[in-house]
Structure formats: structure tokens, C-alpha cells
Amino acid sequence: MRNIFISSTIPFILFNISYSILLHSSGSKDLINRATIYYINPSWKTLNGNSERKIAEVKRFKSEKDGLKLIIHGYVAHKDHIATSPIKNAYMSAGFDNILVADWRDASSLDYLNSRSFVERIGQRLAKLLSTFIRVNNVPLQKVHIIGHSLGAHVAGVIGRYFNGSIGRITGLDPALPLFTLKSKDGLRSKDAQFVDVIHSDASILGDFTPRGHIDFYPNSGSAPQPGCESLDLITGSACSHYRAPLFFAESIQLPYNQPSVLCKLTSIVRGKVRKCLENTKSAHIAYLGELVDKRRRGYYYLKTNDMAPFGLGRNSKNFVESFQNSTI
């Protein structure tokens, strides 16, 4: 028992030491102030070769019916990282005009203990930048949608709390697990926005299995290895499965009804006993993962996916119907 106690508490002791030393050091303020947000406008590229500007430099902005999207990367990443760039590209391809992309690469590229310790202050920094932008441009808070991956999901939660939960929507993409619990003050929670949806794809390794939204989706039970990641997870330390959540979400922007999911008890998902859930395909028990999720839905939803894109089985797909009818789980 003593060895278990020591092994389980050492990471938290190291975290507290690390937090105290770096977060309050002279260099920490500089790391935080480097975090910024870019506004993406595809039309600019044809004029000056650059399609993005820091939001402080944007003088004219049209608040369209689509509202405002803010994408936040996770650990050891940046605004053009492979994990989140598919989301930006999907929105651009779908004709969304108002896309913001956060970049906090300097703080996210430290050792994990230190990067995790910066979540609260990075969230506060980005929230202040966003607040100025939406105030100057008269953007209604309910029109703001923040999408965060990994540590970025928790940063999104901090931003949501800055606005007292008035942000319209937060989407958490496989929120980071290490050094987070439900009691973590800087962890994503359902009250951080008017609507919070979460996609779990690498539960209990890099990502968190714990429900954190009004609705939580568990593709393939939400755990590693995700289909198609069996070999890559061994090489990448489960990163393939961790990056699946952003890919599932990106696909939903182009194919909004391609990933139907069924309401299920969390205990059934945990145990992999989802047959009864799959047999209940009434429309009242179906929700579509991603961009056009029904915000009236609540609870835990299970779905199967393909091992490569397109990942969704499709609402009219023969494979989707057969997966529900013939499941042996």
C-alpha cells in the first residue's frame, strides 16, 4: 500500500513544485503574453499572400449568421498543428467566414507538468483578447463557439468561465486526462457554456473518460485503440486515438449527419455492453455527433466508426443499420 501511495502522489508533488517555480517566475509572464488569437479570412490570401491576422489588427468584421468559431490546440502543438488544422480547413471549405485560431505554442511546448500548469492563465489571456474583439465588433456571446482539443479543451473551459458561462457553445475534443480530475478548478465542465458537447476518443490514457458536457459522445466506447489506430498507437503513445476526436468533429462539418449515435448508459459503455443500446434506434434516442448536434440532447451516446475517413457510418447506410441490429456486444 505504501508503494501505491508514493507512486500515485509523486506526480502531484512534482506538479505542485513545478507550478510554483515556473508559473511565478519572471519568464512565465512572457510565455503567457505570447499566446494570441488569429482571425482567418480566405479572401486575404489572394490579396497579400496571407490569410490570417492577429485579432487586434482586424479593423472590419462582419458578424454573420454562422457566428464566431474559435479553435484551440492542445499540448505540444500550434495553430497549424495536424490535430486541429482539419477543423479550420473544414470550416473554410464549408464557407464559414468568421474563424479564429488560438496559438499558445510557447506554453504548450514545455514539459507536460509545466504546460498543464499554464492552462488557467492561458485561458485568461485568450479570454481577454476574445472579449475585446467581440465587444468592438458587437458579437453576441451566444453566437460564439469554442472548440478545444486535449489541454485546449480545458483552456476553452477557462474562457467560458471568464464569461460566466454565457458563451453559446464549447466543444471539448478528448479533454486531457493527466493531472485533471472533476475537482480541478481549471478543468472543462458543463456549466462553462450554455451548451457543452464532448467527444472522447482516447479515454484513460491521454484523454479523459469522465463526462464533462451536457452531452458526451463515446465513439467505439471512447477508448484506445480507435479503429485504424491499432499499430500507430503503439508507435505514437496513443496519439493516433487522441487525434481521432478532432477528425471526427472535422468530418461532421462537411457531413453533418454521417455519425449517428445512440443513447446509452455510461456503465454499459464502460463495460462494453452496448447491445441493448444499439437495439434502441428510435429517433428520440439518436444524436448526431459534431457540428450540428441537437442542443436539446443530454446524456451519453455511443457510436461505431470506420477505421478511416469517412469515419461515420451514415444515417442511411446499410452498415449503420446492420451495426445496430447485428451487434454481438
Protein backbone atom coordinates (compact mmCIF):
# COMPACT_ATOMS: atom_id res chain seq x y z
CA MET A 1 0.00 0.00 0.00
CA ARG A 2 2.82 2.37 0.81
CA ASN A 3 4.36 1.92 -2.67
CA ILE A 4 0.99 2.60 -4.29
CA PHE A 5 0.59 5.75 -2.25
CA ILE A 6 4.05 7.00 -3.14
CA SER A 7 3.70 6.25 -6.85
CA SER A 8 0.32 7.96 -7.02
CA THR A 9 1.33 11.08 -5.12
CA ILE A 10 4.75 11.80 -6.62
CA PRO A 11 3.30 13.22 -9.89
CA PHE A 12 1.13 15.63 -7.90
CA ILE A 13 4.06 16.67 -5.68
CA LEU A 14 6.16 17.31 -8.79
CA PHE A 15 3.26 19.20 -10.35
CA ASN A 16 2.95 21.48 -7.32
CA ILE A 17 6.70 22.16 -7.25
CA SER A 18 6.77 22.78 -10.99
CA TYR A 19 3.70 25.01 -10.80
CA SER A 20 5.21 27.10 -8.02
CA ILE A 21 8.63 27.54 -9.63
CA LEU A 22 7.76 28.27 -13.27
CA LEU A 23 4.32 29.85 -13.05
CA HIS A 24 5.64 32.53 -10.73
CA SER A 25 8.99 33.00 -12.45
CA SER A 26 9.96 36.07 -14.47
CA GLY A 27 9.72 34.10 -17.73
CA SER A 28 6.16 32.92 -17.17
CA LYS A 29 4.58 36.28 -17.96
CA ASP A 30 6.40 36.39 -21.28
CA LEU A 31 5.20 32.89 -22.18
CA ILE A 32 1.62 33.85 -21.42
CA ASN A 33 1.76 37.14 -23.32
CA ARG A 34 2.94 35.34 -26.45
CA ALA A 35 -0.36 33.48 -26.61
CA THR A 36 -2.61 35.12 -29.18
CA ILE A 37 -5.58 34.63 -31.49
CA TYR A 38 -5.63 34.88 -35.27
CA TYR A 39 -8.57 35.77 -37.47
CA ILE A 40 -8.75 33.67 -40.66
CA ASN A 41 -10.12 35.21 -43.84
CA PRO A 42 -9.51 33.15 -47.02
CA SER A 43 -10.05 36.20 -49.27
CA TRP A 44 -6.98 37.94 -47.84
CA LYS A 45 -4.62 35.32 -49.25
CA THR A 46 -5.32 36.38 -52.80
CA LEU A 47 -4.52 39.99 -51.93
CA ASN A 48 -1.34 39.78 -49.86
CA GLY A 49 -0.45 36.10 -49.66
CA ASN A 50 -1.51 35.81 -46.02
CA SER A 51 -4.98 34.63 -44.95
CA GLU A 52 -4.63 35.41 -41.23
CA ARG A 53 -4.07 38.35 -38.91
CA LYS A 54 -3.91 38.79 -35.16
CA ILE A 55 -7.36 39.81 -33.99
CA ALA A 56 -6.03 43.08 -32.58
CA GLU A 57 -5.17 44.05 -36.18
CA VAL A 58 -8.62 43.29 -37.60
CA LYS A 59 -10.45 46.57 -38.20
CA ARG A 60 -13.51 45.37 -40.08
CA PHE A 61 -15.52 42.31 -39.22
CA LYS A 62 -18.96 41.09 -40.27
CA SER A 63 -20.92 39.13 -37.71
CA GLU A 64 -22.64 36.58 -39.93
CA LYS A 65 -25.42 34.15 -39.08
CA ASP A 66 -22.84 31.39 -38.56
CA GLY A 67 -21.43 33.24 -35.58
CA LEU A 68 -17.82 33.01 -34.46
CA LYS A 69 -15.64 29.90 -34.21
CA LEU A 70 -12.54 29.77 -32.00
CA ILE A 71 -10.26 26.71 -32.34
CA ILE A 72 -7.72 25.97 -29.59
CA HIS A 73 -4.89 23.45 -29.93
CA GLY A 74 -3.57 21.19 -27.20
CA TYR A 75 -0.26 20.02 -25.79
CA VAL A 76 2.94 20.32 -27.89
CA ALA A 77 1.01 21.91 -30.73
CA HIS A 78 0.35 25.21 -32.52
CA LYS A 79 -2.31 26.89 -34.64
CA ASP A 80 -1.42 24.88 -37.76
CA HIS A 81 -0.98 21.56 -35.98
CA ILE A 82 -2.17 18.38 -37.66
CA ALA A 83 -4.63 17.70 -34.81
CA THR A 84 -6.70 20.86 -35.26
CA SER A 85 -5.97 22.18 -38.76
CA PRO A 86 -8.54 19.77 -40.29
CA ILE A 87 -11.24 21.62 -38.31
CA LYS A 88 -10.14 25.01 -39.63
CA ASN A 89 -9.92 23.66 -43.17
CA ALA A 90 -13.35 22.05 -42.93
CA TYR A 91 -14.95 25.30 -41.77
CA MET A 92 -13.24 27.21 -44.58
CA SER A 93 -14.39 24.65 -47.16
CA ALA A 94 -17.93 24.85 -45.82
CA GLY A 95 -17.97 28.62 -46.28
CA PHE A 96 -17.66 29.78 -42.68
CA ASP A 97 -16.25 33.31 -42.71
CA ASN A 98 -15.55 34.03 -39.08
CA ILE A 99 -12.87 31.63 -37.87
CA LEU A 100 -10.46 32.35 -35.05
CA VAL A 101 -7.47 30.15 -34.23
CA ALA A 102 -5.60 30.43 -30.93
CA ASP A 103 -1.86 29.90 -30.71
CA TRP A 104 -0.23 29.28 -27.31
CA ARG A 105 2.63 27.14 -28.64
CA ASP A 106 5.29 28.51 -26.29
CA ALA A 107 3.50 27.45 -23.12
CA SER A 108 2.14 24.24 -24.66
CA SER A 109 5.60 23.04 -25.73
CA LEU A 110 7.10 22.78 -22.23
CA ASP A 111 7.22 19.51 -20.33
CA TYR A 112 3.67 18.36 -19.62
CA LEU A 113 3.73 19.32 -15.93
CA ASN A 114 4.50 22.92 -16.77
CA SER A 115 2.20 23.18 -19.80
CA ARG A 116 -0.65 21.82 -17.72
CA SER A 117 0.07 24.43 -15.01
CA PHE A 118 -0.42 27.25 -17.52
CA VAL A 119 -3.98 26.26 -18.52
CA GLU A 120 -5.70 28.78 -16.23
CA ARG A 121 -3.53 31.77 -17.14
CA ILE A 122 -3.50 30.97 -20.86
CA GLY A 123 -7.28 30.73 -20.75
CA GLN A 124 -7.49 34.10 -19.02
CA ARG A 125 -5.13 35.66 -21.56
CA LEU A 126 -7.11 34.36 -24.54
CA ALA A 127 -10.41 35.29 -22.90
CA LYS A 128 -9.33 38.92 -22.58
CA LEU A 129 -8.28 39.05 -26.24
CA LEU A 130 -11.57 37.48 -27.28
CA SER A 131 -13.58 39.80 -25.02
CA THR A 132 -12.10 42.90 -26.65
CA PHE A 133 -12.72 41.51 -30.13
CA ILE A 134 -16.37 40.58 -29.59
CA ARG A 135 -17.09 43.84 -27.77
CA VAL A 136 -15.63 46.01 -30.53
CA ASN A 137 -17.44 44.01 -33.21
CA ASN A 138 -20.73 43.56 -31.35
CA VAL A 139 -20.68 39.77 -31.49
CA PRO A 140 -23.42 38.21 -29.30
CA LEU A 141 -21.93 35.79 -26.76
CA GLN A 142 -24.49 33.13 -27.71
CA LYS A 143 -23.04 33.19 -31.25
CA VAL A 144 -19.55 32.21 -30.01
CA HIS A 145 -18.50 28.56 -30.36
CA ILE A 146 -15.14 27.45 -28.90
CA ILE A 147 -13.59 24.16 -29.98
CA GLY A 148 -10.64 22.87 -27.92
CA HIS A 149 -8.55 19.71 -28.18
CA SER A 150 -6.72 17.98 -25.31
CA LEU A 151 -5.33 20.67 -22.97
CA GLY A 152 -7.06 23.13 -25.29
CA ALA A 153 -10.43 21.75 -24.18
CA HIS A 154 -9.65 22.81 -20.62
CA VAL A 155 -8.39 26.20 -21.85
CA ALA A 156 -11.77 26.57 -23.57
CA GLY A 157 -13.46 25.89 -20.24
CA VAL A 158 -11.42 28.65 -18.56
CA ILE A 159 -12.52 31.07 -21.29
CA GLY A 160 -16.12 30.02 -20.78
CA ARG A 161 -15.90 30.73 -17.05
CA TYR A 162 -14.38 34.16 -17.79
CA PHE A 163 -17.70 34.96 -19.47
CA ASN A 164 -19.66 33.36 -16.61
CA GLY A 165 -20.92 30.54 -18.80
CA SER A 166 -22.60 32.92 -21.29
CA ILE A 167 -20.67 31.64 -24.31
CA GLY A 168 -23.05 29.84 -26.65
CA ARG A 169 -21.15 26.58 -27.01
CA ILE A 170 -17.93 24.79 -26.13
CA THR A 171 -16.87 21.57 -27.84
CA GLY A 172 -14.28 19.53 -25.94
CA LEU A 173 -12.29 17.14 -28.12
CA ASP A 174 -10.81 14.37 -25.99
CA PRO A 175 -10.04 16.64 -23.00
CA ALA A 176 -6.65 15.88 -21.48
CA LEU A 177 -6.64 13.43 -18.58
CA PRO A 178 -3.19 13.60 -16.89
CA LEU A 179 -3.29 15.76 -13.74
CA PHE A 180 -7.00 16.57 -14.16
CA THR A 181 -9.91 15.43 -12.04
CA LEU A 182 -13.51 16.58 -11.78
CA LYS A 183 -12.37 18.74 -8.86
CA SER A 184 -9.75 20.56 -10.95
CA LYS A 185 -10.74 24.22 -10.91
CA ASP A 186 -9.33 24.73 -14.40
CA GLY A 187 -10.95 21.64 -15.94
CA LEU A 188 -13.75 21.76 -18.52
CA ARG A 189 -17.26 21.50 -17.05
CA SER A 190 -20.78 21.60 -18.42
CA LYS A 191 -21.53 24.95 -16.78
CA ASP A 192 -18.74 26.69 -18.71
CA ALA A 193 -21.09 27.47 -21.63
CA GLN A 194 -24.76 27.42 -22.48
CA PHE A 195 -24.10 24.10 -24.23
CA VAL A 196 -21.07 21.83 -23.88
CA ASP A 197 -20.53 18.76 -26.04
CA VAL A 198 -17.58 16.42 -25.61
CA ILE A 199 -16.08 13.71 -27.84
CA HIS A 200 -13.94 11.06 -26.10
CA SER A 201 -11.52 9.01 -28.22
CA ASP A 202 -8.54 8.06 -26.04
CA ALA A 203 -10.14 7.61 -22.64
CA SER A 204 -7.97 6.85 -19.62
CA ILE A 205 -4.66 7.34 -21.47
CA LEU A 206 -4.16 10.83 -22.93
CA GLY A 207 -7.86 11.67 -22.84
CA ASP A 208 -10.47 11.67 -20.09
CA PHE A 209 -13.35 9.20 -19.93
CA THR A 210 -15.19 11.32 -17.37
CA PRO A 211 -18.32 13.05 -18.72
CA ARG A 212 -17.70 16.79 -18.89
CA GLY A 213 -20.55 18.09 -21.05
CA HIS A 214 -24.29 18.28 -21.40
CA ILE A 215 -23.79 15.53 -23.95
CA ASP A 216 -20.77 13.21 -24.19
CA PHE A 217 -20.02 11.05 -27.23
CA TYR A 218 -18.03 7.82 -26.93
CA PRO A 219 -17.01 6.60 -30.41
CA ASN A 220 -16.05 2.93 -30.19
CA SER A 221 -16.52 3.20 -26.41
CA GLY A 222 -14.29 6.28 -26.36
CA SER A 223 -11.09 4.35 -25.72
CA ALA A 224 -7.89 3.35 -27.47
CA PRO A 225 -7.12 1.92 -29.84
CA GLN A 226 -9.63 3.55 -32.13
CA PRO A 227 -10.25 1.57 -35.36
CA GLY A 228 -7.30 2.18 -37.67
CA CYS A 229 -5.01 3.21 -34.79
CA GLU A 230 -4.03 -0.26 -33.57
CA SER A 231 -0.43 -0.08 -34.82
CA LEU A 232 0.02 3.68 -34.76
CA ASP A 233 -0.94 3.92 -31.09
CA LEU A 234 1.96 1.63 -30.24
CA ILE A 235 4.34 3.93 -32.08
CA THR A 236 2.85 7.28 -31.06
CA GLY A 237 1.93 6.56 -27.45
CA SER A 238 -1.80 6.59 -28.21
CA ALA A 239 -1.65 9.91 -30.09
CA CYS A 240 -3.47 8.41 -33.07
CA SER A 241 -6.56 7.72 -30.95
CA HIS A 242 -6.17 11.06 -29.16
CA TYR A 243 -6.27 12.85 -32.53
CA ARG A 244 -9.34 10.95 -33.71
CA ALA A 245 -11.75 13.24 -31.83
CA PRO A 246 -10.75 16.33 -33.89
CA LEU A 247 -11.02 14.27 -37.09
CA PHE A 248 -14.49 13.03 -36.16
CA PHE A 249 -15.56 16.61 -35.49
CA ALA A 250 -13.97 17.96 -38.69
CA GLU A 251 -15.84 15.34 -40.72
CA SER A 252 -19.13 16.44 -39.16
CA ILE A 253 -18.73 19.95 -40.59
CA GLN A 254 -18.80 18.58 -44.14
CA LEU A 255 -21.03 15.56 -43.41
CA PRO A 256 -23.24 16.68 -40.51
CA TYR A 257 -25.44 13.57 -40.37
CA ASN A 258 -22.77 10.97 -41.00
CA GLN A 259 -22.11 9.97 -37.38
CA PRO A 260 -25.39 8.89 -35.75
CA SER A 261 -25.03 7.91 -32.10
CA VAL A 262 -27.34 6.10 -29.72
CA LEU A 263 -28.22 7.00 -26.13
CA CYS A 264 -26.61 4.58 -23.69
CA LYS A 265 -25.89 4.17 -20.00
CA LEU A 266 -22.35 5.15 -19.09
CA THR A 267 -21.87 1.89 -17.20
CA SER A 268 -22.77 -0.03 -20.36
CA ILE A 269 -20.23 1.92 -22.38
CA VAL A 270 -17.55 1.36 -19.72
CA ARG A 271 -18.17 -2.38 -19.72
CA GLY A 272 -18.54 -2.61 -23.48
CA LYS A 273 -22.05 -3.99 -23.05
CA VAL A 274 -23.87 -1.83 -25.59
CA ARG A 275 -26.11 -4.34 -27.37
CA LYS A 276 -29.29 -3.12 -25.68
CA CYS A 277 -28.36 0.46 -26.50
CA LEU A 278 -27.84 -0.41 -30.15
CA GLU A 279 -31.21 -2.10 -30.35
CA ASN A 280 -32.97 1.12 -29.38
CA THR A 281 -32.84 3.12 -32.61
CA LYS A 282 -35.89 5.32 -32.08
CA SER A 283 -35.25 8.87 -33.26
CA ALA A 284 -35.64 10.17 -29.70
CA HIS A 285 -32.57 8.16 -28.71
CA ILE A 286 -30.35 9.20 -31.65
CA ALA A 287 -28.00 12.19 -31.71
CA TYR A 288 -25.57 13.22 -34.43
CA LEU A 289 -22.00 13.80 -33.30
CA GLY A 290 -20.41 17.07 -34.27
CA GLU A 291 -21.21 20.47 -35.69
CA LEU A 292 -24.99 20.13 -35.95
CA VAL A 293 -25.60 18.23 -32.72
CA ASP A 294 -29.09 18.72 -31.32
CA LYS A 295 -28.52 21.00 -28.33
CA ARG A 296 -31.63 19.63 -26.62
CA ARG A 297 -30.00 16.22 -26.22
CA ARG A 298 -28.50 15.20 -22.90
CA GLY A 299 -26.59 12.14 -21.71
CA TYR A 300 -24.05 9.66 -23.04
CA TYR A 301 -24.00 8.49 -26.64
CA TYR A 302 -22.27 5.54 -28.26
CA LEU A 303 -21.35 5.04 -31.92
CA LYS A 304 -19.21 2.89 -34.12
CA THR A 305 -16.91 4.31 -36.79
CA ASN A 306 -14.93 3.17 -39.78
CA ASP A 307 -11.16 2.77 -39.49
CA MET A 308 -10.50 5.58 -41.98
CA ALA A 309 -12.28 8.59 -43.43
CA PRO A 310 -15.14 8.88 -43.91
CA PHE A 311 -15.39 7.67 -40.32
CA GLY A 312 -19.16 7.94 -39.96
CA LEU A 313 -21.38 5.03 -40.94
CA GLY A 314 -24.11 7.40 -42.13
CA ARG A 315 -27.73 7.61 -41.06
CA ASN A 316 -28.96 5.88 -44.22
CA SER A 317 -26.04 3.49 -44.51
CA LYS A 318 -26.66 -0.23 -44.62
CA ASN A 319 -23.61 -0.63 -42.38
CA PHE A 320 -25.14 1.68 -39.79
CA VAL A 321 -28.40 -0.27 -39.63
CA GLU A 322 -26.62 -3.62 -39.54
CA SER A 323 -24.25 -2.47 -36.81
CA PHE A 324 -27.24 -1.69 -34.62
CA GLN A 325 -29.15 -4.86 -35.46
CA ASN A 326 -26.33 -7.39 -35.53
CA SER A 327 -24.11 -6.23 -32.69
CA THR A 328 -22.93 -9.13 -30.57
CA ILE A 329 -21.62 -6.95 -27.75
